[in-house]
Amino acid sequence: MHDQIYERAKGKIQLAVYFAKEMIEELGRERALEIIGKAYQKFSNDTFPEPYLDIPMEKRFQKFREDLKVKAEQEAHLSIVEDSDRHIKVRFDRCPTYEVYADYGIPEVCQKYCDSDFEAFRHVHPKIKVTREHEIAYGDAYCDHCWTLEE
């Protein structure tokens, strides 16, 4: 039996899981993952900026940082590691999205989801740079996401 965090993630991505499994079966793993990666990139590019569209560009990074801090207070598996006016780094001690994909036997699909972050955050603000040294989807014990507002 899974916890509420897992079940919430499963509810959000279950249709994507079934599409991914069918595509892998019909198209082969390599071609399916290529298409899934493109789809996740388009999805992320469109959805990541949505909460910030009505906020002036010069205030978006600050709002994004504030949103992350609120999220960290609500989710035990997320913590703020570093924070300054132009930089914020967080640590995720679990990834429910990865857990769901792994349980369905397709953990590499979560990698495509995660990979979309690098480009997508440029749609929130063109000077946001995303870096990571660790990712659960790539076999690490935790994820460390770092967002920097470049000069």
N, C-alpha and C. Protein backbone atom coordinates (compact mmCIF):
# COMPACT_ATOMS: atom_id res chain seq x y z
N MET A 1 0.83 -1.17 0.00
CA MET A 1 0.00 0.00 0.00
C MET A 1 0.89 1.25 0.00
N HIS A 2 0.51 2.22 -0.78
CA HIS A 2 1.29 3.44 -0.93
C HIS A 2 0.68 4.59 -0.13
N ASP A 3 1.52 5.58 0.16
CA ASP A 3 1.05 6.73 0.93
C ASP A 3 0.31 7.74 0.03
N GLN A 4 -0.21 8.77 0.66
CA GLN A 4 -1.01 9.77 -0.03
C GLN A 4 -0.19 10.54 -1.07
N ILE A 5 1.07 10.80 -0.79
CA ILE A 5 1.94 11.52 -1.73
C ILE A 5 2.10 10.71 -3.01
N TYR A 6 2.35 9.42 -2.87
CA TYR A 6 2.46 8.53 -4.02
C TYR A 6 1.15 8.52 -4.80
N GLU A 7 0.06 8.33 -4.11
CA GLU A 7 -1.24 8.24 -4.77
C GLU A 7 -1.59 9.53 -5.52
N ARG A 8 -1.21 10.67 -4.96
CA ARG A 8 -1.46 11.95 -5.63
C ARG A 8 -0.64 12.02 -6.93
N ALA A 9 0.62 11.61 -6.87
CA ALA A 9 1.46 11.60 -8.07
C ALA A 9 0.91 10.63 -9.11
N LYS A 10 0.49 9.47 -8.65
CA LYS A 10 -0.07 8.48 -9.56
C LYS A 10 -1.30 9.03 -10.26
N GLY A 11 -2.16 9.72 -9.53
CA GLY A 11 -3.35 10.31 -10.12
C GLY A 11 -3.03 11.33 -11.19
N LYS A 12 -1.93 12.06 -11.01
CA LYS A 12 -1.54 13.09 -11.98
C LYS A 12 -0.95 12.50 -13.25
N ILE A 13 -0.26 11.37 -13.14
CA ILE A 13 0.48 10.87 -14.31
C ILE A 13 0.02 9.52 -14.85
N GLN A 14 -1.00 8.95 -14.26
CA GLN A 14 -1.37 7.59 -14.66
C GLN A 14 -1.71 7.48 -16.15
N LEU A 15 -2.41 8.45 -16.71
CA LEU A 15 -2.70 8.39 -18.14
C LEU A 15 -1.41 8.46 -18.94
N ALA A 16 -0.47 9.33 -18.53
CA ALA A 16 0.83 9.42 -19.22
C ALA A 16 1.58 8.09 -19.13
N VAL A 17 1.45 7.40 -18.00
CA VAL A 17 2.09 6.10 -17.84
C VAL A 17 1.57 5.12 -18.89
N TYR A 18 0.25 5.08 -19.05
CA TYR A 18 -0.33 4.14 -20.01
C TYR A 18 0.03 4.50 -21.45
N PHE A 19 0.04 5.79 -21.76
CA PHE A 19 0.48 6.21 -23.09
C PHE A 19 1.94 5.80 -23.32
N ALA A 20 2.79 6.04 -22.34
CA ALA A 20 4.20 5.70 -22.47
C ALA A 20 4.40 4.20 -22.67
N LYS A 21 3.72 3.39 -21.87
CA LYS A 21 3.87 1.94 -22.01
C LYS A 21 3.42 1.47 -23.39
N GLU A 22 2.32 2.01 -23.88
CA GLU A 22 1.82 1.61 -25.20
C GLU A 22 2.76 2.06 -26.31
N MET A 23 3.28 3.28 -26.18
CA MET A 23 4.21 3.78 -27.19
C MET A 23 5.48 2.93 -27.23
N ILE A 24 6.00 2.58 -26.07
CA ILE A 24 7.20 1.75 -26.01
C ILE A 24 6.94 0.40 -26.67
N GLU A 25 5.78 -0.16 -26.39
CA GLU A 25 5.44 -1.46 -26.99
C GLU A 25 5.28 -1.37 -28.51
N GLU A 26 4.63 -0.32 -28.98
CA GLU A 26 4.33 -0.19 -30.41
C GLU A 26 5.50 0.36 -31.23
N LEU A 27 6.25 1.30 -30.67
CA LEU A 27 7.28 2.00 -31.43
C LEU A 27 8.70 1.57 -31.10
N GLY A 28 8.85 0.85 -30.02
CA GLY A 28 10.19 0.52 -29.53
C GLY A 28 10.63 1.57 -28.52
N ARG A 29 11.48 1.15 -27.61
CA ARG A 29 11.89 2.01 -26.49
C ARG A 29 12.54 3.31 -26.96
N GLU A 30 13.51 3.23 -27.86
CA GLU A 30 14.26 4.41 -28.26
C GLU A 30 13.37 5.47 -28.92
N ARG A 31 12.57 5.07 -29.89
CA ARG A 31 11.70 6.02 -30.60
C ARG A 31 10.63 6.58 -29.65
N ALA A 32 10.05 5.71 -28.83
CA ALA A 32 9.02 6.15 -27.90
C ALA A 32 9.59 7.18 -26.91
N LEU A 33 10.77 6.91 -26.37
CA LEU A 33 11.37 7.84 -25.41
C LEU A 33 11.71 9.18 -26.07
N GLU A 34 12.08 9.14 -27.33
CA GLU A 34 12.35 10.38 -28.06
C GLU A 34 11.07 11.23 -28.14
N ILE A 35 9.97 10.60 -28.49
CA ILE A 35 8.68 11.31 -28.61
C ILE A 35 8.20 11.77 -27.23
N ILE A 36 8.33 10.91 -26.23
CA ILE A 36 7.92 11.27 -24.87
C ILE A 36 8.73 12.46 -24.38
N GLY A 37 10.02 12.48 -24.66
CA GLY A 37 10.86 13.62 -24.28
C GLY A 37 10.39 14.91 -24.93
N LYS A 38 10.05 14.85 -26.20
CA LYS A 38 9.54 16.04 -26.90
C LYS A 38 8.21 16.50 -26.30
N ALA A 39 7.35 15.55 -26.00
CA ALA A 39 6.04 15.88 -25.43
C ALA A 39 6.19 16.51 -24.05
N TYR A 40 7.04 15.92 -23.21
CA TYR A 40 7.25 16.50 -21.88
C TYR A 40 7.86 17.89 -22.00
N GLN A 41 8.75 18.10 -22.98
CA GLN A 41 9.35 19.42 -23.13
C GLN A 41 8.29 20.45 -23.49
N LYS A 42 7.42 20.11 -24.43
CA LYS A 42 6.36 21.04 -24.83
C LYS A 42 5.40 21.31 -23.67
N PHE A 43 5.04 20.25 -22.96
CA PHE A 43 4.16 20.39 -21.80
C PHE A 43 4.78 21.32 -20.76
N SER A 44 6.03 21.08 -20.42
CA SER A 44 6.71 21.88 -19.40
C SER A 44 6.88 23.32 -19.85
N ASN A 45 7.26 23.50 -21.11
CA ASN A 45 7.42 24.87 -21.63
C ASN A 45 6.12 25.66 -21.52
N ASP A 46 5.01 24.99 -21.72
CA ASP A 46 3.70 25.66 -21.66
C ASP A 46 3.19 25.85 -20.24
N THR A 47 3.42 24.87 -19.36
CA THR A 47 2.80 24.92 -18.04
C THR A 47 3.65 25.57 -16.95
N PHE A 48 4.96 25.46 -17.01
CA PHE A 48 5.80 26.04 -15.96
C PHE A 48 5.59 27.54 -15.81
N PRO A 49 5.49 28.30 -16.91
CA PRO A 49 5.34 29.75 -16.74
C PRO A 49 3.94 30.21 -16.34
N GLU A 50 2.94 29.36 -16.44
CA GLU A 50 1.55 29.78 -16.22
C GLU A 50 1.32 30.56 -14.92
N PRO A 51 1.85 30.12 -13.76
CA PRO A 51 1.58 30.87 -12.53
C PRO A 51 2.23 32.26 -12.49
N TYR A 52 3.12 32.53 -13.44
CA TYR A 52 3.91 33.76 -13.40
C TYR A 52 3.60 34.72 -14.55
N LEU A 53 2.68 34.37 -15.39
CA LEU A 53 2.41 35.18 -16.59
C LEU A 53 1.93 36.59 -16.27
N ASP A 54 1.21 36.76 -15.19
CA ASP A 54 0.70 38.08 -14.83
C ASP A 54 1.66 38.87 -13.93
N ILE A 55 2.82 38.30 -13.69
CA ILE A 55 3.82 38.94 -12.83
C ILE A 55 4.89 39.57 -13.73
N PRO A 56 5.27 40.80 -13.46
CA PRO A 56 6.32 41.42 -14.27
C PRO A 56 7.60 40.57 -14.25
N MET A 57 8.28 40.53 -15.36
CA MET A 57 9.46 39.69 -15.51
C MET A 57 10.46 39.90 -14.37
N GLU A 58 10.68 41.14 -13.96
CA GLU A 58 11.68 41.43 -12.94
C GLU A 58 11.29 40.90 -11.55
N LYS A 59 10.03 40.47 -11.38
CA LYS A 59 9.57 39.96 -10.09
C LYS A 59 9.32 38.45 -10.09
N ARG A 60 9.46 37.83 -11.24
CA ARG A 60 9.14 36.40 -11.35
C ARG A 60 10.04 35.50 -10.54
N PHE A 61 11.34 35.75 -10.56
CA PHE A 61 12.24 34.86 -9.83
C PHE A 61 11.96 34.94 -8.33
N GLN A 62 11.72 36.14 -7.84
CA GLN A 62 11.38 36.31 -6.42
C GLN A 62 10.11 35.52 -6.08
N LYS A 63 9.10 35.62 -6.92
CA LYS A 63 7.84 34.90 -6.70
C LYS A 63 8.08 33.38 -6.75
N PHE A 64 8.89 32.94 -7.70
CA PHE A 64 9.23 31.52 -7.80
C PHE A 64 9.91 31.04 -6.52
N ARG A 65 10.85 31.82 -6.00
CA ARG A 65 11.54 31.47 -4.75
C ARG A 65 10.54 31.38 -3.60
N GLU A 66 9.64 32.33 -3.53
CA GLU A 66 8.62 32.32 -2.48
C GLU A 66 7.75 31.07 -2.58
N ASP A 67 7.36 30.73 -3.80
CA ASP A 67 6.54 29.53 -4.01
C ASP A 67 7.27 28.27 -3.56
N LEU A 68 8.57 28.18 -3.86
CA LEU A 68 9.36 27.02 -3.44
C LEU A 68 9.43 26.92 -1.91
N LYS A 69 9.58 28.04 -1.26
CA LYS A 69 9.65 28.04 0.21
C LYS A 69 8.33 27.55 0.82
N VAL A 70 7.22 27.99 0.26
CA VAL A 70 5.91 27.52 0.73
C VAL A 70 5.78 26.02 0.51
N LYS A 71 6.18 25.58 -0.66
CA LYS A 71 6.11 24.15 -0.97
C LYS A 71 6.99 23.33 -0.01
N ALA A 72 8.16 23.85 0.32
CA ALA A 72 9.06 23.15 1.25
C ALA A 72 8.44 23.05 2.65
N GLU A 73 7.66 24.02 3.05
CA GLU A 73 6.99 23.96 4.34
C GLU A 73 5.88 22.92 4.34
N GLN A 74 5.31 22.65 3.17
CA GLN A 74 4.19 21.71 3.07
C GLN A 74 4.62 20.28 2.82
N GLU A 75 5.79 20.08 2.25
CA GLU A 75 6.22 18.74 1.85
C GLU A 75 7.48 18.33 2.59
N ALA A 76 7.38 17.27 3.37
CA ALA A 76 8.49 16.81 4.21
C ALA A 76 9.70 16.34 3.40
N HIS A 77 9.48 15.91 2.16
CA HIS A 77 10.59 15.39 1.36
C HIS A 77 11.33 16.48 0.58
N LEU A 78 10.97 17.75 0.78
CA LEU A 78 11.59 18.88 0.10
C LEU A 78 12.15 19.85 1.13
N SER A 79 13.40 20.24 0.96
CA SER A 79 14.00 21.22 1.87
C SER A 79 14.82 22.24 1.09
N ILE A 80 14.86 23.44 1.62
CA ILE A 80 15.66 24.51 1.04
C ILE A 80 17.09 24.34 1.57
N VAL A 81 18.04 24.28 0.67
CA VAL A 81 19.44 24.08 1.04
C VAL A 81 20.21 25.41 1.03
N GLU A 82 19.95 26.22 0.01
CA GLU A 82 20.59 27.53 -0.13
C GLU A 82 19.54 28.50 -0.65
N ASP A 83 19.67 29.77 -0.23
CA ASP A 83 18.72 30.77 -0.70
C ASP A 83 19.36 32.16 -0.65
N SER A 84 19.27 32.87 -1.76
CA SER A 84 19.71 34.26 -1.83
C SER A 84 18.83 34.96 -2.86
N ASP A 85 19.05 36.23 -3.08
CA ASP A 85 18.22 36.98 -4.03
C ASP A 85 18.26 36.42 -5.45
N ARG A 86 19.38 35.81 -5.84
CA ARG A 86 19.55 35.37 -7.22
C ARG A 86 19.76 33.86 -7.34
N HIS A 87 19.50 33.13 -6.26
CA HIS A 87 19.85 31.71 -6.27
C HIS A 87 19.00 30.98 -5.22
N ILE A 88 18.51 29.80 -5.59
CA ILE A 88 17.86 28.94 -4.60
C ILE A 88 18.16 27.49 -4.96
N LYS A 89 18.49 26.72 -3.96
CA LYS A 89 18.80 25.31 -4.15
C LYS A 89 17.95 24.50 -3.19
N VAL A 90 17.34 23.44 -3.70
CA VAL A 90 16.50 22.58 -2.88
C VAL A 90 16.98 21.13 -2.98
N ARG A 91 16.52 20.36 -2.03
CA ARG A 91 16.81 18.92 -2.02
C ARG A 91 15.49 18.18 -1.89
N PHE A 92 15.30 17.23 -2.78
CA PHE A 92 14.16 16.32 -2.72
C PHE A 92 14.69 14.97 -2.25
N ASP A 93 14.15 14.48 -1.14
CA ASP A 93 14.58 13.19 -0.62
C ASP A 93 13.76 12.03 -1.20
N ARG A 94 12.76 12.38 -1.98
CA ARG A 94 12.02 11.36 -2.72
C ARG A 94 11.41 12.01 -3.94
N CYS A 95 11.08 11.19 -4.91
CA CYS A 95 10.42 11.67 -6.12
C CYS A 95 9.23 10.75 -6.40
N PRO A 96 8.05 11.16 -6.00
CA PRO A 96 6.87 10.31 -6.21
C PRO A 96 6.62 10.03 -7.70
N THR A 97 6.94 10.97 -8.56
CA THR A 97 6.78 10.74 -10.01
C THR A 97 7.66 9.58 -10.44
N TYR A 98 8.90 9.58 -10.00
CA TYR A 98 9.81 8.49 -10.32
C TYR A 98 9.27 7.17 -9.73
N GLU A 99 8.81 7.21 -8.50
CA GLU A 99 8.30 6.00 -7.86
C GLU A 99 7.19 5.36 -8.69
N VAL A 100 6.29 6.18 -9.20
CA VAL A 100 5.18 5.66 -10.00
C VAL A 100 5.70 5.06 -11.30
N TYR A 101 6.51 5.82 -12.02
CA TYR A 101 7.05 5.28 -13.28
C TYR A 101 7.84 4.00 -13.04
N ALA A 102 8.62 3.96 -11.97
CA ALA A 102 9.40 2.75 -11.66
C ALA A 102 8.49 1.57 -11.36
N ASP A 103 7.41 1.81 -10.62
CA ASP A 103 6.48 0.73 -10.30
C ASP A 103 5.81 0.16 -11.56
N TYR A 104 5.68 0.97 -12.57
CA TYR A 104 5.11 0.51 -13.84
C TYR A 104 6.18 -0.03 -14.79
N GLY A 105 7.42 -0.08 -14.33
CA GLY A 105 8.50 -0.68 -15.12
C GLY A 105 9.12 0.23 -16.17
N ILE A 106 8.86 1.54 -16.07
CA ILE A 106 9.41 2.47 -17.06
C ILE A 106 10.04 3.69 -16.38
N PRO A 107 11.03 3.48 -15.51
CA PRO A 107 11.62 4.60 -14.79
C PRO A 107 12.29 5.62 -15.70
N GLU A 108 12.74 5.19 -16.86
CA GLU A 108 13.42 6.10 -17.78
C GLU A 108 12.49 7.19 -18.33
N VAL A 109 11.19 6.98 -18.24
CA VAL A 109 10.24 8.01 -18.67
C VAL A 109 10.32 9.21 -17.71
N CYS A 110 10.56 8.95 -16.45
CA CYS A 110 10.72 10.04 -15.49
C CYS A 110 11.95 10.89 -15.85
N GLN A 111 12.97 10.28 -16.39
CA GLN A 111 14.15 11.04 -16.81
C GLN A 111 13.76 12.08 -17.86
N LYS A 112 12.90 11.71 -18.78
CA LYS A 112 12.45 12.66 -19.81
C LYS A 112 11.67 13.81 -19.17
N TYR A 113 10.86 13.49 -18.19
CA TYR A 113 10.12 14.51 -17.46
C TYR A 113 11.09 15.48 -16.79
N CYS A 114 12.08 14.95 -16.10
CA CYS A 114 13.05 15.78 -15.39
C CYS A 114 13.92 16.60 -16.35
N ASP A 115 14.30 16.00 -17.45
CA ASP A 115 15.17 16.68 -18.41
C ASP A 115 14.51 17.93 -18.99
N SER A 116 13.20 17.98 -18.99
CA SER A 116 12.50 19.12 -19.57
C SER A 116 12.66 20.40 -18.74
N ASP A 117 13.06 20.27 -17.48
CA ASP A 117 13.20 21.44 -16.60
C ASP A 117 14.18 22.48 -17.14
N PHE A 118 15.27 22.01 -17.70
CA PHE A 118 16.36 22.92 -18.07
C PHE A 118 15.89 23.99 -19.07
N GLU A 119 15.17 23.58 -20.07
CA GLU A 119 14.63 24.53 -21.04
C GLU A 119 13.38 25.23 -20.52
N ALA A 120 12.52 24.51 -19.84
CA ALA A 120 11.21 25.05 -19.45
C ALA A 120 11.32 26.24 -18.51
N PHE A 121 12.29 26.24 -17.62
CA PHE A 121 12.40 27.37 -16.70
C PHE A 121 12.83 28.65 -17.40
N ARG A 122 13.40 28.53 -18.58
CA ARG A 122 13.72 29.73 -19.37
C ARG A 122 12.42 30.41 -19.84
N HIS A 123 11.33 29.68 -19.82
CA HIS A 123 10.03 30.24 -20.18
C HIS A 123 9.40 30.98 -19.00
N VAL A 124 9.83 30.64 -17.79
CA VAL A 124 9.40 31.39 -16.61
C VAL A 124 10.13 32.73 -16.61
N HIS A 125 11.46 32.66 -16.82
CA HIS A 125 12.30 33.85 -16.93
C HIS A 125 13.50 33.46 -17.80
N PRO A 126 13.79 34.23 -18.82
CA PRO A 126 14.86 33.83 -19.75
C PRO A 126 16.25 33.77 -19.14
N LYS A 127 16.41 34.31 -17.93
CA LYS A 127 17.74 34.28 -17.30
C LYS A 127 17.83 33.26 -16.16
N ILE A 128 16.83 32.41 -16.02
CA ILE A 128 16.92 31.35 -15.01
C ILE A 128 17.72 30.20 -15.58
N LYS A 129 18.73 29.81 -14.85
CA LYS A 129 19.55 28.64 -15.22
C LYS A 129 19.31 27.55 -14.18
N VAL A 130 19.01 26.36 -14.65
CA VAL A 130 18.76 25.21 -13.77
C VAL A 130 19.99 24.30 -13.81
N THR A 131 20.43 23.88 -12.65
CA THR A 131 21.52 22.90 -12.57
C THR A 131 21.14 21.83 -11.55
N ARG A 132 21.73 20.67 -11.74
CA ARG A 132 21.56 19.56 -10.80
C ARG A 132 22.84 18.74 -10.77
N GLU A 133 23.16 18.25 -9.60
CA GLU A 133 24.28 17.32 -9.47
C GLU A 133 23.78 15.92 -9.18
N HIS A 134 22.56 15.82 -8.64
CA HIS A 134 22.00 14.53 -8.27
C HIS A 134 20.54 14.46 -8.71
N GLU A 135 20.15 13.29 -9.21
CA GLU A 135 18.76 13.10 -9.63
C GLU A 135 18.33 11.67 -9.31
N ILE A 136 17.23 11.56 -8.62
CA ILE A 136 16.68 10.25 -8.28
C ILE A 136 16.40 9.45 -9.55
N ALA A 137 15.87 10.10 -10.57
CA ALA A 137 15.52 9.41 -11.82
C ALA A 137 16.74 8.80 -12.51
N TYR A 138 17.92 9.28 -12.18
CA TYR A 138 19.16 8.76 -12.75
C TYR A 138 19.94 7.90 -11.76
N GLY A 139 19.27 7.49 -10.67
CA GLY A 139 19.88 6.53 -9.75
C GLY A 139 20.44 7.08 -8.46
N ASP A 140 20.37 8.40 -8.26
CA ASP A 140 20.87 8.98 -7.02
C ASP A 140 19.84 8.81 -5.90
N ALA A 141 20.28 8.99 -4.67
CA ALA A 141 19.41 8.84 -3.50
C ALA A 141 18.52 10.07 -3.29
N TYR A 142 18.86 11.18 -3.92
CA TYR A 142 18.09 12.41 -3.79
C TYR A 142 18.30 13.28 -5.03
N CYS A 143 17.48 14.30 -5.15
CA CYS A 143 17.64 15.30 -6.22
C CYS A 143 18.04 16.62 -5.58
N ASP A 144 18.94 17.31 -6.23
CA ASP A 144 19.26 18.67 -5.82
C ASP A 144 19.03 19.58 -7.02
N HIS A 145 18.06 20.42 -6.89
CA HIS A 145 17.69 21.35 -7.96
C HIS A 145 18.20 22.73 -7.56
N CYS A 146 18.85 23.39 -8.48
CA CYS A 146 19.37 24.72 -8.21
C CYS A 146 18.93 25.64 -9.34
N TRP A 147 18.33 26.77 -8.96
CA TRP A 147 17.90 27.79 -9.91
C TRP A 147 18.68 29.05 -9.63
N THR A 148 19.31 29.59 -10.65
CA THR A 148 20.08 30.82 -10.53
C THR A 148 19.58 31.83 -11.54
N LEU A 149 19.37 33.04 -11.09
CA LEU A 149 19.00 34.12 -11.98
C LEU A 149 20.31 34.76 -12.44
N GLU A 150 20.64 34.50 -13.70
CA GLU A 150 21.90 35.01 -14.24
C GLU A 150 21.83 36.51 -14.50
N GLU A 151 22.99 37.15 -14.53
CA GLU A 151 23.08 38.59 -14.80
C GLU A 151 22.70 38.89 -16.24
